[in-house]
């Protein structure tokens, strides 16, 4: 008899906008002294470093950091 584990497979990941809207993320960032500007700078750096040429005719979606004033 096999017991299925719901955590054995990957599921759908939330997009970055959903994660940045989560109040738990805000609380952890406050606790750690991380601002939205700090986090956005790290995200931009990572995206730039991982940038690969896009296939012909495909345009990479731009990512905008959310408005930090909205978090205050």
N, C-alpha and C. Protein backbone atom coordinates (compact mmCIF):
# COMPACT_ATOMS: atom_id res chain seq x y z
N UNK A 1 0.85 -1.18 0.00
CA UNK A 1 0.00 0.00 0.00
C UNK A 1 0.90 1.24 0.00
N UNK A 2 0.62 2.16 -0.90
CA UNK A 2 1.41 3.38 -1.01
C UNK A 2 0.63 4.54 -0.42
N UNK A 3 1.29 5.32 0.40
CA UNK A 3 0.67 6.51 0.97
C UNK A 3 1.13 7.70 0.14
N UNK A 4 0.18 8.42 -0.44
CA UNK A 4 0.53 9.58 -1.26
C UNK A 4 0.86 10.76 -0.37
N UNK A 5 1.94 11.43 -0.71
CA UNK A 5 2.36 12.62 0.02
C UNK A 5 2.08 13.83 -0.86
N UNK A 6 1.23 14.74 -0.42
CA UNK A 6 0.90 15.89 -1.26
C UNK A 6 2.09 16.82 -1.50
N UNK A 7 3.18 16.64 -0.75
CA UNK A 7 4.34 17.51 -0.91
C UNK A 7 5.42 16.89 -1.80
N UNK A 8 5.11 15.75 -2.42
CA UNK A 8 6.08 15.09 -3.29
C UNK A 8 6.31 15.84 -4.60
N UNK A 9 5.32 16.55 -5.09
CA UNK A 9 5.44 17.22 -6.38
C UNK A 9 5.36 18.72 -6.22
N UNK A 10 5.87 19.40 -7.22
CA UNK A 10 5.82 20.86 -7.21
C UNK A 10 4.42 21.32 -7.61
N UNK A 11 4.03 22.44 -7.05
CA UNK A 11 2.74 23.01 -7.39
C UNK A 11 2.94 24.33 -8.14
N UNK A 12 1.88 25.05 -8.30
CA UNK A 12 1.95 26.35 -8.95
C UNK A 12 2.52 27.35 -7.97
N UNK A 13 3.54 28.07 -8.40
CA UNK A 13 4.16 29.07 -7.53
C UNK A 13 3.44 30.40 -7.69
N UNK A 14 3.30 31.16 -6.59
CA UNK A 14 2.70 32.48 -6.70
C UNK A 14 3.65 33.42 -7.45
N UNK A 15 3.10 34.41 -8.13
CA UNK A 15 4.00 35.36 -8.80
C UNK A 15 4.54 36.35 -7.77
N UNK A 16 5.54 37.09 -8.16
CA UNK A 16 6.23 37.99 -7.25
C UNK A 16 5.28 39.04 -6.67
N UNK A 17 4.35 39.53 -7.48
CA UNK A 17 3.38 40.51 -6.99
C UNK A 17 2.54 39.97 -5.84
N UNK A 18 2.14 38.70 -5.97
CA UNK A 18 1.36 38.07 -4.89
C UNK A 18 2.20 37.95 -3.62
N UNK A 19 3.45 37.55 -3.77
CA UNK A 19 4.32 37.42 -2.60
C UNK A 19 4.54 38.76 -1.92
N UNK A 20 4.76 39.80 -2.72
CA UNK A 20 5.01 41.12 -2.15
C UNK A 20 3.75 41.75 -1.54
N UNK A 21 2.60 41.19 -1.82
CA UNK A 21 1.35 41.68 -1.23
C UNK A 21 1.01 40.96 0.08
N UNK A 22 1.78 39.95 0.41
CA UNK A 22 1.49 39.14 1.60
C UNK A 22 1.93 39.86 2.87
N UNK A 23 1.02 40.08 3.83
CA UNK A 23 1.36 40.77 5.07
C UNK A 23 2.45 40.06 5.89
N UNK A 24 2.55 38.74 5.76
CA UNK A 24 3.60 38.02 6.48
C UNK A 24 4.98 38.42 5.94
N UNK A 25 5.08 38.57 4.63
CA UNK A 25 6.33 39.03 4.01
C UNK A 25 6.69 40.41 4.55
N UNK A 26 5.70 41.30 4.65
CA UNK A 26 5.94 42.65 5.18
C UNK A 26 6.47 42.58 6.61
N UNK A 27 5.87 41.72 7.43
CA UNK A 27 6.29 41.60 8.83
C UNK A 27 7.72 41.08 8.93
N UNK A 28 8.07 40.10 8.13
CA UNK A 28 9.43 39.56 8.16
C UNK A 28 10.43 40.61 7.69
N UNK A 29 10.07 41.34 6.65
CA UNK A 29 10.96 42.40 6.15
C UNK A 29 11.18 43.47 7.22
N UNK A 30 10.10 43.88 7.89
CA UNK A 30 10.24 44.88 8.97
C UNK A 30 11.15 44.36 10.07
N UNK A 31 10.91 43.12 10.47
CA UNK A 31 11.72 42.53 11.53
C UNK A 31 13.21 42.50 11.14
N UNK A 32 13.48 42.22 9.86
CA UNK A 32 14.85 42.11 9.40
C UNK A 32 15.46 43.44 8.96
N UNK A 33 14.65 44.51 8.98
CA UNK A 33 15.16 45.81 8.58
C UNK A 33 15.40 45.94 7.08
N UNK A 34 14.62 45.19 6.30
CA UNK A 34 14.75 45.22 4.84
C UNK A 34 13.63 46.09 4.27
N UNK A 35 13.99 47.04 3.44
CA UNK A 35 12.98 47.89 2.80
C UNK A 35 12.59 47.29 1.45
N UNK A 36 11.48 47.75 0.93
CA UNK A 36 11.06 47.30 -0.39
C UNK A 36 12.10 47.71 -1.43
N UNK A 37 12.68 48.88 -1.27
CA UNK A 37 13.73 49.33 -2.20
C UNK A 37 14.93 48.38 -2.18
N UNK A 38 15.33 47.92 -0.99
CA UNK A 38 16.43 46.95 -0.87
C UNK A 38 16.10 45.67 -1.63
N UNK A 39 14.90 45.16 -1.38
CA UNK A 39 14.48 43.91 -2.00
C UNK A 39 14.39 44.05 -3.52
N UNK A 40 13.83 45.16 -3.98
CA UNK A 40 13.71 45.38 -5.42
C UNK A 40 15.08 45.47 -6.09
N UNK A 41 16.04 46.08 -5.42
CA UNK A 41 17.40 46.17 -5.97
C UNK A 41 18.00 44.77 -6.14
N UNK A 42 17.78 43.90 -5.16
CA UNK A 42 18.30 42.53 -5.24
C UNK A 42 17.60 41.77 -6.37
N UNK A 43 16.29 41.96 -6.49
CA UNK A 43 15.54 41.28 -7.55
C UNK A 43 16.03 41.73 -8.92
N UNK A 44 16.22 43.05 -9.09
CA UNK A 44 16.73 43.56 -10.37
C UNK A 44 18.11 42.99 -10.69
N UNK A 45 18.98 42.96 -9.71
CA UNK A 45 20.33 42.42 -9.92
C UNK A 45 20.26 40.96 -10.34
N UNK A 46 19.45 40.19 -9.65
CA UNK A 46 19.30 38.78 -10.01
C UNK A 46 18.75 38.60 -11.41
N UNK A 47 17.74 39.37 -11.76
CA UNK A 47 17.17 39.27 -13.11
C UNK A 47 18.21 39.63 -14.16
N UNK A 48 18.99 40.68 -13.89
CA UNK A 48 20.02 41.09 -14.85
C UNK A 48 21.08 40.01 -15.02
N UNK A 49 21.48 39.38 -13.92
CA UNK A 49 22.51 38.34 -13.99
C UNK A 49 22.02 37.07 -14.67
N UNK A 50 20.75 36.80 -14.54
CA UNK A 50 20.18 35.59 -15.15
C UNK A 50 19.66 35.83 -16.56
N UNK A 51 19.74 37.06 -17.01
CA UNK A 51 19.20 37.42 -18.32
C UNK A 51 19.82 36.55 -19.42
N UNK A 52 18.98 35.95 -20.20
CA UNK A 52 19.43 35.18 -21.35
C UNK A 52 18.76 35.77 -22.58
N UNK A 53 19.38 35.61 -23.73
CA UNK A 53 18.75 36.15 -24.93
C UNK A 53 17.36 35.54 -25.15
N UNK A 54 16.41 36.38 -25.45
CA UNK A 54 15.04 35.91 -25.71
C UNK A 54 14.96 35.36 -27.12
N UNK A 55 14.12 34.36 -27.32
CA UNK A 55 13.92 33.85 -28.68
C UNK A 55 13.38 34.95 -29.59
N UNK A 56 13.64 34.84 -30.87
CA UNK A 56 13.18 35.83 -31.84
C UNK A 56 11.67 36.00 -31.74
N UNK A 57 11.23 37.24 -31.70
CA UNK A 57 9.81 37.54 -31.66
C UNK A 57 9.19 37.51 -30.27
N UNK A 58 9.96 37.17 -29.26
CA UNK A 58 9.42 37.10 -27.91
C UNK A 58 9.99 38.25 -27.10
N UNK A 59 9.14 38.89 -26.37
CA UNK A 59 9.57 40.03 -25.56
C UNK A 59 9.44 39.68 -24.08
N UNK A 60 10.51 39.85 -23.35
CA UNK A 60 10.51 39.55 -21.92
C UNK A 60 9.66 40.58 -21.20
N UNK A 61 8.72 40.15 -20.35
CA UNK A 61 7.89 41.12 -19.62
C UNK A 61 8.75 41.95 -18.66
N UNK A 62 8.47 43.22 -18.61
CA UNK A 62 9.19 44.11 -17.69
C UNK A 62 8.65 43.90 -16.28
N UNK A 63 9.52 44.07 -15.30
CA UNK A 63 9.09 43.96 -13.92
C UNK A 63 9.27 45.32 -13.27
N UNK A 64 8.24 45.79 -12.60
CA UNK A 64 8.29 47.05 -11.89
C UNK A 64 8.18 46.77 -10.41
N UNK A 65 9.00 47.43 -9.64
CA UNK A 65 8.92 47.32 -8.19
C UNK A 65 7.63 48.03 -7.73
N UNK A 66 6.87 47.43 -6.83
CA UNK A 66 5.67 48.10 -6.34
C UNK A 66 6.00 49.41 -5.64
N UNK A 67 5.05 50.27 -5.54
CA UNK A 67 5.22 51.57 -4.88
C UNK A 67 5.41 51.36 -3.38
N UNK A 68 6.55 51.78 -2.88
CA UNK A 68 6.87 51.56 -1.47
C UNK A 68 5.92 52.33 -0.54
N UNK A 69 5.41 53.46 -0.98
CA UNK A 69 4.50 54.25 -0.15
C UNK A 69 3.24 53.45 0.17
N UNK A 70 2.86 52.55 -0.72
CA UNK A 70 1.68 51.72 -0.52
C UNK A 70 1.84 50.79 0.67
N UNK A 71 3.08 50.50 1.05
CA UNK A 71 3.36 49.57 2.15
C UNK A 71 3.38 50.23 3.50
N UNK A 72 3.48 51.53 3.54
CA UNK A 72 3.68 52.25 4.82
C UNK A 72 2.50 52.05 5.76
